[in-house]
C-alpha atoms as a PDB file:
ATOM      1  CA  MET A   1      -7.228  14.047 -23.931  1.00  0.00           C
ATOM      2  CA  THR A   2      -9.107  16.670 -26.266  1.00  0.00           C
ATOM      3  CA  GLU A   3     -12.228  18.443 -25.052  1.00  0.00           C
ATOM      4  CA  SER A   4     -14.281  16.488 -27.483  1.00  0.00           C
ATOM      5  CA  THR A   5     -13.499  13.346 -25.993  1.00  0.00           C
ATOM      6  CA  MET A   6     -13.657  14.062 -22.433  1.00  0.00           C
ATOM      7  CA  PRO A   7     -17.274  12.706 -21.284  1.00  0.00           C
ATOM      8  CA  PRO A   8     -19.721  15.505 -21.599  1.00  0.00           C
ATOM      9  CA  CYS A   9     -20.037  15.871 -17.598  1.00  0.00           C
ATOM     10  CA  PHE A  10     -16.482  16.997 -17.561  1.00  0.00           C
ATOM     11  CA  SER A  11     -15.432  18.960 -20.230  1.00  0.00           C
ATOM     12  CA  ARG A  12     -12.219  21.102 -20.155  1.00  0.00           C
ATOM     13  CA  ARG A  13     -14.131  24.087 -19.063  1.00  0.00           C
ATOM     14  CA  ARG A  14     -15.737  22.530 -15.821  1.00  0.00           C
ATOM     15  CA  ALA A  15     -12.042  21.084 -14.989  1.00  0.00           C
ATOM     16  CA  LEU A  16     -11.035  24.733 -14.901  1.00  0.00           C
ATOM     17  CA  LYS A  17     -13.941  25.912 -12.848  1.00  0.00           C
ATOM     18  CA  LEU A  18     -12.993  22.963 -10.324  1.00  0.00           C
ATOM     19  CA  GLY A  19      -9.834  24.346  -9.720  1.00  0.00           C
ATOM     20  CA  ALA A  20      -6.304  22.958 -10.140  1.00  0.00           C
ATOM     21  CA  GLY A  21      -5.707  21.572  -6.559  1.00  0.00           C
ATOM     22  CA  THR A  22      -9.264  19.215  -6.933  1.00  0.00           C
ATOM     23  CA  ILE A  23      -8.121  18.175 -10.490  1.00  0.00           C
ATOM     24  CA  ALA A  24      -4.401  17.441  -8.495  1.00  0.00           C
ATOM     25  CA  ALA A  25      -6.094  15.146  -5.728  1.00  0.00           C
ATOM     26  CA  LEU A  26      -7.642  13.095  -7.905  1.00  0.00           C
ATOM     27  CA  PRO A  27      -4.673  10.835  -9.262  1.00  0.00           C
ATOM     28  CA  LEU A  28      -2.852  11.334  -6.301  1.00  0.00           C
ATOM     29  CA  PHE A  29      -6.017   9.597  -4.268  1.00  0.00           C
ATOM     30  CA  ASN A  30      -5.832   6.829  -6.939  1.00  0.00           C
ATOM     31  CA  ILE A  31      -1.625   6.223  -6.202  1.00  0.00           C
ATOM     32  CA  ASN A  32      -2.113   6.516  -2.460  1.00  0.00           C
ATOM     33  CA  HIS A  33      -5.388   3.905  -1.844  1.00  0.00           C
ATOM     34  CA  ALA A  34      -3.908   0.860  -2.420  1.00  0.00           C
ATOM     35  CA  TRP A  35      -1.345   1.547   0.391  1.00  0.00           C
ATOM     36  CA  SER A  36      -3.382   3.624   3.003  1.00  0.00           C
ATOM     37  CA  ALA A  37      -3.868   1.181   4.982  1.00  0.00           C
ATOM     38  CA  ASP A  38      -0.959   1.179   7.672  1.00  0.00           C
ATOM     39  CA  VAL A  39       1.622  -1.912   7.235  1.00  0.00           C
ATOM     40  CA  THR A  40       3.479  -2.877  10.759  1.00  0.00           C
ATOM     41  CA  TYR A  41       5.653  -5.514  11.678  1.00  0.00           C
ATOM     42  CA  ASP A  42       7.082  -6.390  14.888  1.00  0.00           C
ATOM     43  CA  GLY A  43       9.352  -9.366  14.036  1.00  0.00           C
ATOM     44  CA  GLY A  44       7.213 -12.083  14.433  1.00  0.00           C
ATOM     45  CA  ILE A  45       6.152 -14.837  12.193  1.00  0.00           C
ATOM     46  CA  PHE A  46       2.179 -14.591  10.944  1.00  0.00           C
ATOM     47  CA  ASP A  47       0.421 -16.837   8.336  1.00  0.00           C
ATOM     48  CA  ALA A  48       0.340 -14.818   5.073  1.00  0.00           C
ATOM     49  CA  GLY A  49      -2.301 -17.255   3.629  1.00  0.00           C
ATOM     50  CA  GLY A  50      -0.404 -18.308   0.740  1.00  0.00           C
ATOM     51  CA  ALA A  51       0.569 -14.718  -0.497  1.00  0.00           C
ATOM     52  CA  THR A  52       3.144 -14.439  -3.208  1.00  0.00           C
ATOM     53  CA  LEU A  53       6.226 -12.679  -2.090  1.00  0.00           C
ATOM     54  CA  ASN A  54       7.809 -10.722  -5.323  1.00  0.00           C
ATOM     55  CA  VAL A  55      11.594 -10.896  -4.507  1.00  0.00           C
ATOM     56  CA  ALA A  56      14.529  -9.365  -7.221  1.00  0.00           C
ATOM     57  CA  GLU A  57      17.623 -10.503  -6.627  1.00  0.00           C
ATOM     58  CA  TRP A  58      20.696 -12.155  -8.013  1.00  0.00           C
ATOM     59  CA  GLY A  59      20.429 -15.927  -9.481  1.00  0.00           C
ATOM     60  CA  GLY A  60      22.882 -18.753 -10.447  1.00  0.00           C
ATOM     61  CA  PHE A  61      24.840 -19.684  -7.024  1.00  0.00           C
ATOM     62  CA  TRP A  62      23.789 -17.071  -5.133  1.00  0.00           C
ATOM     63  CA  GLN A  63      20.300 -17.740  -5.381  1.00  0.00           C
ATOM     64  CA  GLU A  64      20.756 -21.305  -4.290  1.00  0.00           C
ATOM     65  CA  LEU A  65      22.628 -20.490  -1.328  1.00  0.00           C
ATOM     66  CA  VAL A  66      20.071 -17.961   0.022  1.00  0.00           C
ATOM     67  CA  ARG A  67      16.919 -20.129  -0.582  1.00  0.00           C
ATOM     68  CA  LYS A  68      19.392 -22.890   1.120  1.00  0.00           C
ATOM     69  CA  LEU A  69      20.263 -20.746   3.953  1.00  0.00           C
ATOM     70  CA  MET A  70      16.569 -18.574   4.402  1.00  0.00           C
ATOM     71  CA  VAL A  71      14.014 -18.812   1.974  1.00  0.00           C
ATOM     72  CA  ASN A  72      12.964 -22.585   2.182  1.00  0.00           C
ATOM     73  CA  ASP A  73      12.055 -21.860   5.751  1.00  0.00           C
ATOM     74  CA  PHE A  74      10.992 -18.562   5.476  1.00  0.00           C
ATOM     75  CA  GLU A  75       8.300 -19.978   2.968  1.00  0.00           C
ATOM     76  CA  LYS A  76       7.419 -22.266   5.376  1.00  0.00           C
ATOM     77  CA  GLN A  77       6.999 -20.174   8.717  1.00  0.00           C
ATOM     78  CA  PHE A  78       5.038 -17.601   7.527  1.00  0.00           C
ATOM     79  CA  ASN A  79       3.295 -19.991   4.602  1.00  0.00           C
ATOM     80  CA  CYS A  80       3.745 -17.845   1.321  1.00  0.00           C
ATOM     81  CA  LYS A  81       5.685 -18.777  -1.724  1.00  0.00           C
ATOM     82  CA  VAL A  82       8.838 -16.343  -2.854  1.00  0.00           C
ATOM     83  CA  ALA A  83       8.910 -15.985  -6.478  1.00  0.00           C
ATOM     84  CA  TRP A  84      12.479 -14.824  -7.458  1.00  0.00           C
ATOM     85  CA  ASP A  85      13.537 -12.872 -10.619  1.00  0.00           C
ATOM     86  CA  SER A  86      17.179 -13.164 -11.395  1.00  0.00           C
ATOM     87  CA  ALA A  87      16.812 -11.129 -14.801  1.00  0.00           C
ATOM     88  CA  PHE A  88      18.558  -7.799 -14.101  1.00  0.00           C
ATOM     89  CA  PRO A  89      18.053  -5.311 -14.819  1.00  0.00           C
ATOM     90  CA  TRP A  90      15.285  -4.206 -12.307  1.00  0.00           C
ATOM     91  CA  PHE A  91      14.880  -0.406 -13.288  1.00  0.00           C
ATOM     92  CA  PRO A  92      12.596  -1.163 -16.340  1.00  0.00           C
ATOM     93  CA  LYS A  93      10.311  -3.303 -14.989  1.00  0.00           C
ATOM     94  CA  PHE A  94       9.542  -0.424 -12.403  1.00  0.00           C
ATOM     95  CA  VAL A  95       9.336   2.116 -14.638  1.00  0.00           C
ATOM     96  CA  ALA A  96       7.497   0.248 -17.084  1.00  0.00           C
ATOM     97  CA  ASN A  97       4.926  -0.256 -13.991  1.00  0.00           C
ATOM     98  CA  PRO A  98       2.535   2.001 -12.048  1.00  0.00           C
ATOM     99  CA  ARG A  99       4.018   3.137  -8.647  1.00  0.00           C
ATOM    100  CA  ASP A 100       0.897   1.596  -7.021  1.00  0.00           C
ATOM    101  CA  LYS A 101       1.786  -1.953  -9.014  1.00  0.00           C
ATOM    102  CA  PRO A 102       5.610  -2.228  -8.506  1.00  0.00           C
ATOM    103  CA  PRO A 103       7.087  -5.950 -10.183  1.00  0.00           C
ATOM    104  CA  PHE A 104       8.196  -6.503  -6.864  1.00  0.00           C
ATOM    105  CA  ALA A 105       8.084  -6.157  -3.219  1.00  0.00           C
ATOM    106  CA  ILE A 106      11.489  -6.219  -2.065  1.00  0.00           C
ATOM    107  CA  VAL A 107      14.778  -6.128  -4.235  1.00  0.00           C
ATOM    108  CA  ASN A 108      18.374  -6.728  -3.859  1.00  0.00           C
ATOM    109  CA  TRP A 109      21.020  -3.971  -5.234  1.00  0.00           C
ATOM    110  CA  ASN A 110      23.816  -2.585  -6.004  1.00  0.00           C
ATOM    111  CA  TYR A 111      23.688   1.199  -5.044  1.00  0.00           C
ATOM    112  CA  ALA A 112      23.993   2.675  -9.055  1.00  0.00           C
ATOM    113  CA  GLU A 113      20.423   1.199 -10.321  1.00  0.00           C
ATOM    114  CA  MET A 114      18.989   1.678  -6.674  1.00  0.00           C
ATOM    115  CA  PHE A 115      19.913   5.311  -6.952  1.00  0.00           C
ATOM    116  CA  ARG A 116      18.635   5.356 -10.542  1.00  0.00           C
ATOM    117  CA  ILE A 117      15.343   4.537  -9.497  1.00  0.00           C
ATOM    118  CA  ALA A 118      15.551   6.711  -6.168  1.00  0.00           C
ATOM    119  CA  LYS A 119      15.825   9.529  -8.621  1.00  0.00           C
ATOM    120  CA  ALA A 120      12.752   8.358 -10.892  1.00  0.00           C
ATOM    121  CA  GLY A 121       9.739   8.688  -7.815  1.00  0.00           C
ATOM    122  CA  ASP A 122       9.116   7.865  -4.830  1.00  0.00           C
ATOM    123  CA  TYR A 123       9.380   3.934  -5.592  1.00  0.00           C
ATOM    124  CA  PHE A 124      10.742   2.794  -2.241  1.00  0.00           C
ATOM    125  CA  MET A 125       9.027   2.925   0.952  1.00  0.00           C
ATOM    126  CA  PRO A 126      11.088   5.367   3.623  1.00  0.00           C
ATOM    127  CA  LEU A 127      14.238   4.262   4.985  1.00  0.00           C
ATOM    128  CA  GLY A 128      12.796   5.650   8.461  1.00  0.00           C
ATOM    129  CA  GLU A 129       9.679   3.831   8.185  1.00  0.00           C
ATOM    130  CA  VAL A 130      11.685   0.821   7.263  1.00  0.00           C
ATOM    131  CA  MET A 131      13.945   0.564  10.317  1.00  0.00           C
ATOM    132  CA  ALA A 132      10.879   1.172  12.554  1.00  0.00           C
ATOM    133  CA  ASN A 133       9.235  -1.928  11.234  1.00  0.00           C
ATOM    134  CA  VAL A 134      12.589  -4.299  10.744  1.00  0.00           C
ATOM    135  CA  PRO A 135      13.573  -4.981  14.420  1.00  0.00           C
ATOM    136  CA  ASN A 136      17.110  -6.206  13.348  1.00  0.00           C
ATOM    137  CA  SER A 137      18.163  -3.096  11.376  1.00  0.00           C
ATOM    138  CA  GLN A 138      18.649  -1.487  15.093  1.00  0.00           C
ATOM    139  CA  ASN A 139      21.696  -3.410  15.265  1.00  0.00           C
ATOM    140  CA  VAL A 140      23.723  -2.443  11.727  1.00  0.00           C
ATOM    141  CA  TRP A 141      26.667  -0.532  11.285  1.00  0.00           C
ATOM    142  CA  PRO A 142      25.781   3.313  10.437  1.00  0.00           C
ATOM    143  CA  PHE A 143      27.284   3.085   7.293  1.00  0.00           C
ATOM    144  CA  ALA A 144      24.544   0.452   5.941  1.00  0.00           C
ATOM    145  CA  THR A 145      22.178   3.008   6.410  1.00  0.00           C
ATOM    146  CA  ALA A 146      24.360   6.046   5.226  1.00  0.00           C
ATOM    147  CA  ASN A 147      23.092   5.885   1.273  1.00  0.00           C
ATOM    148  CA  LYS A 148      19.409   6.982   2.721  1.00  0.00           C
ATOM    149  CA  VAL A 149      17.469   4.720   0.400  1.00  0.00           C
ATOM    150  CA  GLY A 150      17.952   0.838   1.761  1.00  0.00           C
ATOM    151  CA  ILE A 151      19.589  -1.330   4.520  1.00  0.00           C
ATOM    152  CA  THR A 152      23.109  -2.416   2.868  1.00  0.00           C
ATOM    153  CA  TRP A 153      23.391  -6.057   4.302  1.00  0.00           C
ATOM    154  CA  ALA A 154      26.567  -7.501   3.361  1.00  0.00           C
ATOM    155  CA  TYR A 155      30.084  -6.320   1.356  1.00  0.00           C
ATOM    156  CA  ALA A 156      32.877  -7.142  -0.240  1.00  0.00           C
ATOM    157  CA  ARG A 157      36.024  -5.833  -1.415  1.00  0.00           C
ATOM    158  CA  TYR A 158      36.905  -5.047  -5.557  1.00  0.00           C
ATOM    159  CA  CYS A 159      39.752  -6.851  -6.579  1.00  0.00           C
ATOM    160  CA  TYR A 160      41.148  -8.817  -9.561  1.00  0.00           C
ATOM    161  CA  ALA A 161      40.373 -12.209  -9.860  1.00  0.00           C
ATOM    162  CA  TYR A 162      43.241 -14.034 -11.838  1.00  0.00           C
ATOM    163  CA  GLY A 163      43.830 -18.175 -12.649  1.00  0.00           C
ATOM    164  CA  THR A 164      46.729 -19.022 -11.025  1.00  0.00           C
ATOM    165  CA  ASP A 165      48.103 -21.192 -13.841  1.00  0.00           C
ATOM    166  CA  MET A 166      47.668 -18.399 -16.548  1.00  0.00           C
ATOM    167  CA  ALA A 167      48.594 -15.500 -14.522  1.00  0.00           C
ATOM    168  CA  ALA A 168      52.660 -15.804 -13.868  1.00  0.00           C
ATOM    169  CA  PRO A 169      53.652 -13.546 -12.210  1.00  0.00           C
ATOM    170  CA  PRO A 170      50.755 -12.937 -10.578  1.00  0.00           C
ATOM    171  CA  PRO A 171      49.482  -9.605 -10.367  1.00  0.00           C
ATOM    172  CA  THR A 172      50.618  -7.065  -7.699  1.00  0.00           C
ATOM    173  CA  ARG A 173      49.104  -3.927  -8.339  1.00  0.00           C
ATOM    174  CA  PHE A 174      46.034  -2.247  -9.855  1.00  0.00           C
ATOM    175  CA  ALA A 175      48.078  -1.454 -13.269  1.00  0.00           C
ATOM    176  CA  ASP A 176      49.028  -5.064 -13.850  1.00  0.00           C
ATOM    177  CA  PHE A 177      45.357  -5.431 -15.659  1.00  0.00           C
ATOM    178  CA  TRP A 178      47.065  -3.411 -18.410  1.00  0.00           C
ATOM    179  CA  ASP A 179      50.585  -5.922 -18.672  1.00  0.00           C
ATOM    180  CA  ALA A 180      51.107  -7.298 -21.989  1.00  0.00           C
ATOM    181  CA  ARG A 181      50.894 -10.812 -20.643  1.00  0.00           C
ATOM    182  CA  TYR A 182      47.131 -10.415 -20.371  1.00  0.00           C
ATOM    183  CA  ALA A 183      46.256  -9.540 -24.151  1.00  0.00           C
ATOM    184  CA  GLY A 184      43.324 -10.793 -25.179  1.00  0.00           C
ATOM    185  CA  LYS A 185      42.728 -12.633 -21.829  1.00  0.00           C
ATOM    186  CA  ARG A 186      41.214  -9.644 -19.672  1.00  0.00           C
ATOM    187  CA  GLY A 187      37.631 -10.048 -18.421  1.00  0.00           C
ATOM    188  CA  THR A 188      35.152  -7.135 -17.307  1.00  0.00           C
ATOM    189  CA  TYR A 189      31.529  -6.169 -17.619  1.00  0.00           C
ATOM    190  CA  ILE A 190      28.691  -4.826 -19.582  1.00  0.00           C
ATOM    191  CA  THR A 191      28.447  -0.860 -18.804  1.00  0.00           C
ATOM    192  CA  SER A 192      24.885  -0.991 -16.472  1.00  0.00           C
ATOM    193  CA  ASN A 193      26.862  -3.334 -14.067  1.00  0.00           C
ATOM    194  CA  THR A 194      28.078  -1.444 -10.667  1.00  0.00           C
ATOM    195  CA  LEU A 195      31.329  -3.729 -10.979  1.00  0.00           C
ATOM    196  CA  GLN A 196      32.280  -1.966 -14.301  1.00  0.00           C
ATOM    197  CA  MET A 197      31.604   1.321 -13.084  1.00  0.00           C
ATOM    198  CA  ASP A 198      33.519   1.342 -10.356  1.00  0.00           C
ATOM    199  CA  PHE A 199      36.531  -0.483 -12.231  1.00  0.00           C
ATOM    200  CA  PHE A 200      36.002   2.684 -14.855  1.00  0.00           C
ATOM    201  CA  LEU A 201      36.371   5.337 -11.985  1.00  0.00           C
ATOM    202  CA  ALA A 202      39.611   3.668 -10.048  1.00  0.00           C
ATOM    203  CA  ALA A 203      41.068   3.735 -14.031  1.00  0.00           C
ATOM    204  CA  CYS A 204      39.817   7.088 -13.919  1.00  0.00           C
ATOM    205  CA  LYS A 205      41.797   7.963 -10.506  1.00  0.00           C
ATOM    206  CA  VAL A 206      44.947   5.559 -10.584  1.00  0.00           C
ATOM    207  CA  PHE A 207      45.930   6.660 -14.731  1.00  0.00           C
ATOM    208  CA  GLY A 208      44.647  10.411 -14.133  1.00  0.00           C
ATOM    209  CA  LYS A 209      44.396  13.360 -11.946  1.00  0.00           C
ATOM    210  CA  ASP A 210      41.018  11.947  -9.525  1.00  0.00           C
ATOM    211  CA  GLN A 211      38.084   9.577 -10.198  1.00  0.00           C
ATOM    212  CA  TYR A 212      36.478  12.325 -12.253  1.00  0.00           C
ATOM    213  CA  ASP A 213      39.178  12.341 -15.182  1.00  0.00           C
ATOM    214  CA  LEU A 214      36.958  10.772 -17.334  1.00  0.00           C
ATOM    215  CA  ASP A 215      39.415  10.925 -20.269  1.00  0.00           C
ATOM    216  CA  ALA A 216      42.228   8.832 -18.333  1.00  0.00           C
ATOM    217  CA  GLY A 217      39.518   6.278 -17.879  1.00  0.00           C
ATOM    218  CA  TYR A 218      38.145   6.185 -21.488  1.00  0.00           C
ATOM    219  CA  ASP A 219      41.931   5.622 -22.351  1.00  0.00           C
ATOM    220  CA  ALA A 220      42.453   2.810 -19.968  1.00  0.00           C
ATOM    221  CA  MET A 221      39.522   0.869 -21.154  1.00  0.00           C
ATOM    222  CA  LYS A 222      40.732   1.425 -24.838  1.00  0.00           C
ATOM    223  CA  ARG A 223      44.250   0.054 -24.116  1.00  0.00           C
ATOM    224  CA  ALA A 224      42.735  -2.858 -21.921  1.00  0.00           C
ATOM    225  CA  SER A 225      40.764  -3.782 -25.172  1.00  0.00           C
ATOM    226  CA  PRO A 226      39.874  -6.164 -26.470  1.00  0.00           C
ATOM    227  CA  LEU A 227      38.247  -7.398 -23.259  1.00  0.00           C
ATOM    228  CA  LYS A 228      35.889 -10.314 -22.419  1.00  0.00           C
ATOM    229  CA  ILE A 229      32.687  -8.736 -21.284  1.00  0.00           C
ATOM    230  CA  SER A 230      30.381 -10.760 -18.887  1.00  0.00           C
ATOM    231  CA  ASP A 231      26.703  -9.475 -17.378  1.00  0.00           C
ATOM    232  CA  PHE A 232      27.272 -10.736 -14.089  1.00  0.00           C
ATOM    233  CA  THR A 233      29.820 -12.111 -11.447  1.00  0.00           C
ATOM    234  CA  GLY A 234      28.595 -15.521 -11.756  1.00  0.00           C
ATOM    235  CA  ASN A 235      29.333 -15.802 -15.647  1.00  0.00           C
ATOM    236  CA  MET A 236      32.681 -14.004 -14.876  1.00  0.00           C
ATOM    237  CA  GLN A 237      33.549 -17.164 -12.384  1.00  0.00           C
ATOM    238  CA  ALA A 238      33.093 -19.717 -15.526  1.00  0.00           C
ATOM    239  CA  LEU A 239      34.369 -17.476 -17.697  1.00  0.00           C
ATOM    240  CA  LEU A 240      37.775 -17.987 -15.395  1.00  0.00           C
ATOM    241  CA  GLU A 241      37.327 -21.748 -14.677  1.00  0.00           C
ATOM    242  CA  ARG A 242      37.248 -22.232 -18.587  1.00  0.00           C
ATOM    243  CA  GLY A 243      40.106 -20.230 -18.448  1.00  0.00           C
ATOM    244  CA  GLU A 244      38.967 -17.996 -21.397  1.00  0.00           C
ATOM    245  CA  VAL A 245      40.119 -15.590 -19.155  1.00  0.00           C
ATOM    246  CA  ALA A 246      43.159 -14.793 -17.273  1.00  0.00           C
ATOM    247  CA  ILE A 247      42.163 -11.705 -15.371  1.00  0.00           C
ATOM    248  CA  ALA A 248      39.123 -10.221 -14.253  1.00  0.00           C
ATOM    249  CA  MET A 249      37.414  -7.934 -12.432  1.00  0.00           C
ATOM    250  CA  GLN A 250      35.514  -9.336  -9.388  1.00  0.00           C
ATOM    251  CA  ASP A 251      34.693  -9.068  -5.760  1.00  0.00           C
ATOM    252  CA  ASP A 252      37.069 -10.628  -3.333  1.00  0.00           C
ATOM    253  CA  GLY A 253      34.287 -12.955  -1.926  1.00  0.00           C
ATOM    254  CA  GLU A 254      33.720 -14.626  -5.339  1.00  0.00           C
ATOM    255  CA  ALA A 255      37.156 -15.121  -5.999  1.00  0.00           C
ATOM    256  CA  TYR A 256      37.806 -16.767  -2.559  1.00  0.00           C
ATOM    257  CA  LEU A 257      34.626 -18.738  -3.437  1.00  0.00           C
ATOM    258  CA  GLN A 258      35.949 -20.395  -6.278  1.00  0.00           C
ATOM    259  CA  ALA A 259      39.685 -20.748  -4.392  1.00  0.00           C
ATOM    260  CA  LYS A 260      37.693 -22.544  -1.872  1.00  0.00           C
ATOM    261  CA  LYS A 261      36.209 -24.956  -4.509  1.00  0.00           C
ATOM    262  CA  GLY A 262      39.783 -25.967  -5.455  1.00  0.00           C
ATOM    263  CA  ILE A 263      39.628 -24.155  -9.048  1.00  0.00           C
ATOM    264  CA  LYS A 264      42.670 -22.336  -9.622  1.00  0.00           C
ATOM    265  CA  VAL A 265      41.845 -18.464  -9.312  1.00  0.00           C
ATOM    266  CA  ALA A 266      42.814 -16.088  -6.474  1.00  0.00           C
ATOM    267  CA  ALA A 267      42.091 -12.833  -5.329  1.00  0.00           C
ATOM    268  CA  MET A 268      44.656  -9.527  -5.512  1.00  0.00           C
ATOM    269  CA  VAL A 269      42.925  -6.799  -3.372  1.00  0.00           C
ATOM    270  CA  TRP A 270      43.491  -3.887  -4.966  1.00  0.00           C
ATOM    271  CA  ASP A 271      45.430  -1.213  -2.171  1.00  0.00           C
ATOM    272  CA  GLU A 272      45.553   2.317  -4.551  1.00  0.00           C
ATOM    273  CA  VAL A 273      41.457   2.451  -4.599  1.00  0.00           C
ATOM    274  CA  LYS A 274      39.658   0.656  -2.026  1.00  0.00           C
ATOM    275  CA  PRO A 275      36.166   0.575  -2.863  1.00  0.00           C
ATOM    276  CA  ILE A 276      33.200  -1.847  -1.943  1.00  0.00           C
ATOM    277  CA  LEU A 277      30.420  -3.646  -3.934  1.00  0.00           C
ATOM    278  CA  THR A 278      27.607  -3.436  -1.343  1.00  0.00           C
ATOM    279  CA  GLN A 279      24.297  -5.565  -1.019  1.00  0.00           C
ATOM    280  CA  THR A 280      21.100  -3.147  -0.038  1.00  0.00           C
ATOM    281  CA  LYS A 281      18.064  -4.103  -0.082  1.00  0.00           C
ATOM    282  CA  THR A 282      14.806  -1.637  -0.344  1.00  0.00           C
ATOM    283  CA  VAL A 283      10.924  -2.181   0.404  1.00  0.00           C
ATOM    284  CA  SER A 284       8.229  -0.637  -2.420  1.00  0.00           C
ATOM    285  CA  ARG A 285       5.887   1.856  -1.108  1.00  0.00           C
ATOM    286  CA  TYR A 286       3.143   0.904  -3.009  1.00  0.00           C
ATOM    287  CA  ALA A 287       3.494  -2.812  -2.574  1.00  0.00           C
ATOM    288  CA  ASP A 288       0.274  -4.985  -1.829  1.00  0.00           C
ATOM    289  CA  PRO A 289      -0.141  -4.607   1.966  1.00  0.00           C
ATOM    290  CA  VAL A 290       0.633  -8.575   2.608  1.00  0.00           C
ATOM    291  CA  GLN A 291       3.307  -8.197   0.747  1.00  0.00           C
ATOM    292  CA  LYS A 292       4.834  -5.254   2.293  1.00  0.00           C
ATOM    293  CA  LYS A 293       4.715  -6.964   5.416  1.00  0.00           C
ATOM    294  CA  LEU A 294       6.038 -10.174   3.918  1.00  0.00           C
ATOM    295  CA  ALA A 295       8.970  -7.931   2.725  1.00  0.00           C
ATOM    296  CA  LEU A 296       9.391  -6.390   5.768  1.00  0.00           C
ATOM    297  CA  ALA A 297       9.806  -9.889   7.547  1.00  0.00           C
ATOM    298  CA  TYR A 298      12.183 -11.083   4.720  1.00  0.00           C
ATOM    299  CA  LEU A 299      14.530  -7.836   5.223  1.00  0.00           C
ATOM    300  CA  ASN A 300      14.358  -8.807   9.156  1.00  0.00           C
ATOM    301  CA  ARG A 301      15.357 -12.331   8.327  1.00  0.00           C
ATOM    302  CA  THR A 302      18.039 -11.047   6.030  1.00  0.00           C
ATOM    303  CA  LEU A 303      20.010  -9.179   8.934  1.00  0.00           C
ATOM    304  CA  ASP A 304      19.277 -11.915  11.422  1.00  0.00           C
ATOM    305  CA  PRO A 305      22.872 -13.223  12.777  1.00  0.00           C
ATOM    306  CA  SER A 306      22.105 -16.519  11.795  1.00  0.00           C
ATOM    307  CA  PHE A 307      22.059 -15.689   8.224  1.00  0.00           C
ATOM    308  CA  LEU A 308      24.455 -13.390   7.796  1.00  0.00           C
ATOM    309  CA  ASN A 309      27.007 -15.443   9.645  1.00  0.00           C
ATOM    310  CA  ALA A 310      25.973 -18.326   7.447  1.00  0.00           C
ATOM    311  CA  PHE A 311      26.326 -16.267   4.107  1.00  0.00           C
ATOM    312  CA  ALA A 312      29.694 -15.043   5.310  1.00  0.00           C
ATOM    313  CA  GLU A 313      31.047 -18.516   6.227  1.00  0.00           C
ATOM    314  CA  ALA A 314      29.651 -19.392   2.227  1.00  0.00           C
ATOM    315  CA  PHE A 315      30.277 -16.272   0.121  1.00  0.00           C
ATOM    316  CA  HIS A 316      33.206 -14.581   1.864  1.00  0.00           C
ATOM    317  CA  TYR A 317      30.862 -11.781   2.335  1.00  0.00           C
ATOM    318  CA  ALA A 318      31.187  -8.908   5.356  1.00  0.00           C
ATOM    319  CA  PRO A 319      28.207  -8.803   7.233  1.00  0.00           C
ATOM    320  CA  VAL A 320      26.983  -5.248   8.891  1.00  0.00           C
ATOM    321  CA  THR A 321      25.345  -6.488  12.239  1.00  0.00           C
ATOM    322  CA  LYS A 322      26.822  -5.875  15.360  1.00  0.00           C
ATOM    323  CA  ASP A 323      26.736  -9.321  16.818  1.00  0.00           C
ATOM    324  CA  ALA A 324      27.524 -11.312  13.306  1.00  0.00           C
ATOM    325  CA  VAL A 325      30.432 -12.734  13.875  1.00  0.00           C
ATOM    326  CA  ILE A 326      33.060 -13.090  10.953  1.00  0.00           C
ATOM    327  CA  PRO A 327      34.457 -16.959  10.652  1.00  0.00           C
ATOM    328  CA  ALA A 328      38.513 -16.593  11.834  1.00  0.00           C
ATOM    329  CA  THR A 329      39.510 -18.613   8.420  1.00  0.00           C
ATOM    330  CA  HIS A 330      38.041 -15.817   6.486  1.00  0.00           C
ATOM    331  CA  TYR A 331      39.640 -12.973   8.124  1.00  0.00           C
ATOM    332  CA  HIS A 332      41.507 -12.464   4.836  1.00  0.00           C
ATOM    333  CA  SER A 333      38.478 -11.601   3.425  1.00  0.00           C
ATOM    334  CA  TYR A 334      37.649  -8.406   5.824  1.00  0.00           C
ATOM    335  CA  ARG A 335      40.307  -6.370   4.924  1.00  0.00           C
ATOM    336  CA  THR A 336      40.397  -2.523   6.145  1.00  0.00           C
ATOM    337  CA  THR A 337      38.348  -0.747   3.742  1.00  0.00           C
END
C-alpha cells in the first residue's frame, strides 16, 4: 500500500509516529482473537449442536474402515458432521488460507508433509497443549510424541509387496527390486509421497555410503526405470491386483491386508534398513473453538484402545498405546523395527 492510497487518518508518517511495536500488535490481534477463548476437553461426550468437523485423511478403503470403526458413532454421540477430505497433498490448502482460517481442524499425516507445514508457520496447536486435552494421549509409548509436532497413533513397516504368481522366485533382499525379472513391472510413488522419499533414502544407504549418498539413490532410481508411478498406496494395491506391477514399494500392513482377502500378494519386509510408515495427527491451532474441541475429542477417540485394536486387526497397523492388544494372528505384522 502506498502513502497516496492510505486512509487520510493513517498516513505512513502517522504510522511511524505510532511506533513499530504498536503497528506490529495490530495483525497479531487479528490472528489471535479467533482462538483467544480457551478450548479445553476432558474426554467426555458433548453436544456440538450439529457443527461440522473438517478432517483431512486418506481415502478409499482407509476412509471406509475408519468411518465404520469410529466416525459414524462419533457423529451420533457428539451431534456433529465429519467432513472428510482425502485429496492429498494438504500443504497447499494450508498455505492458501489465512492462519486463523485453517482448511481442517484435524489432519492425519505422514511425517514429511507434517514437518513442512510446521516449518511454514504456527499452524498446529502445541503438542503439550494437545496432550493436556487428550486424556488417552497419556497412555502412548514415548516414540508416539518424539516428533514434537503431532501424536502418532499407528505405524507399519516398509516392505516390498509382490505378486506371488508373478515374482518367482520371491524377493529376499532389498536389492532384488532391481533384478532383471522385474523389468517394466516395478512400482513406486510420486516424489511428494513419503513412501517414495523413504524408498529413495533406503536406496541411498543400501547402494551408497549412507542415507545421505544422493548420487547412489539417483543412480538406483535410474536403474529401476521404467517404473509404474502411483500417487498413494490404495492405488498401488489395485496395480498389484491387476498384475500391472509384479513388485512394489508398500507398507506391510496393506500387503497383509490384500493377502487376507485372497489376493495373490505377499510381503517381503526389509532387513537391511528398517524404516516405519507413521500415521500422525495434528490439531489446528486457529480452528474455530467448536471445531477445535471436536478435533480434540476426535483425536482422543483415535487413541482409544477399542479403536486401535479394531484398526490393527483390520489393517495390520501396529498401535501405540500401552494397553492396546495386538491380535495373535497378526504377530508377523509387527516385527522389531
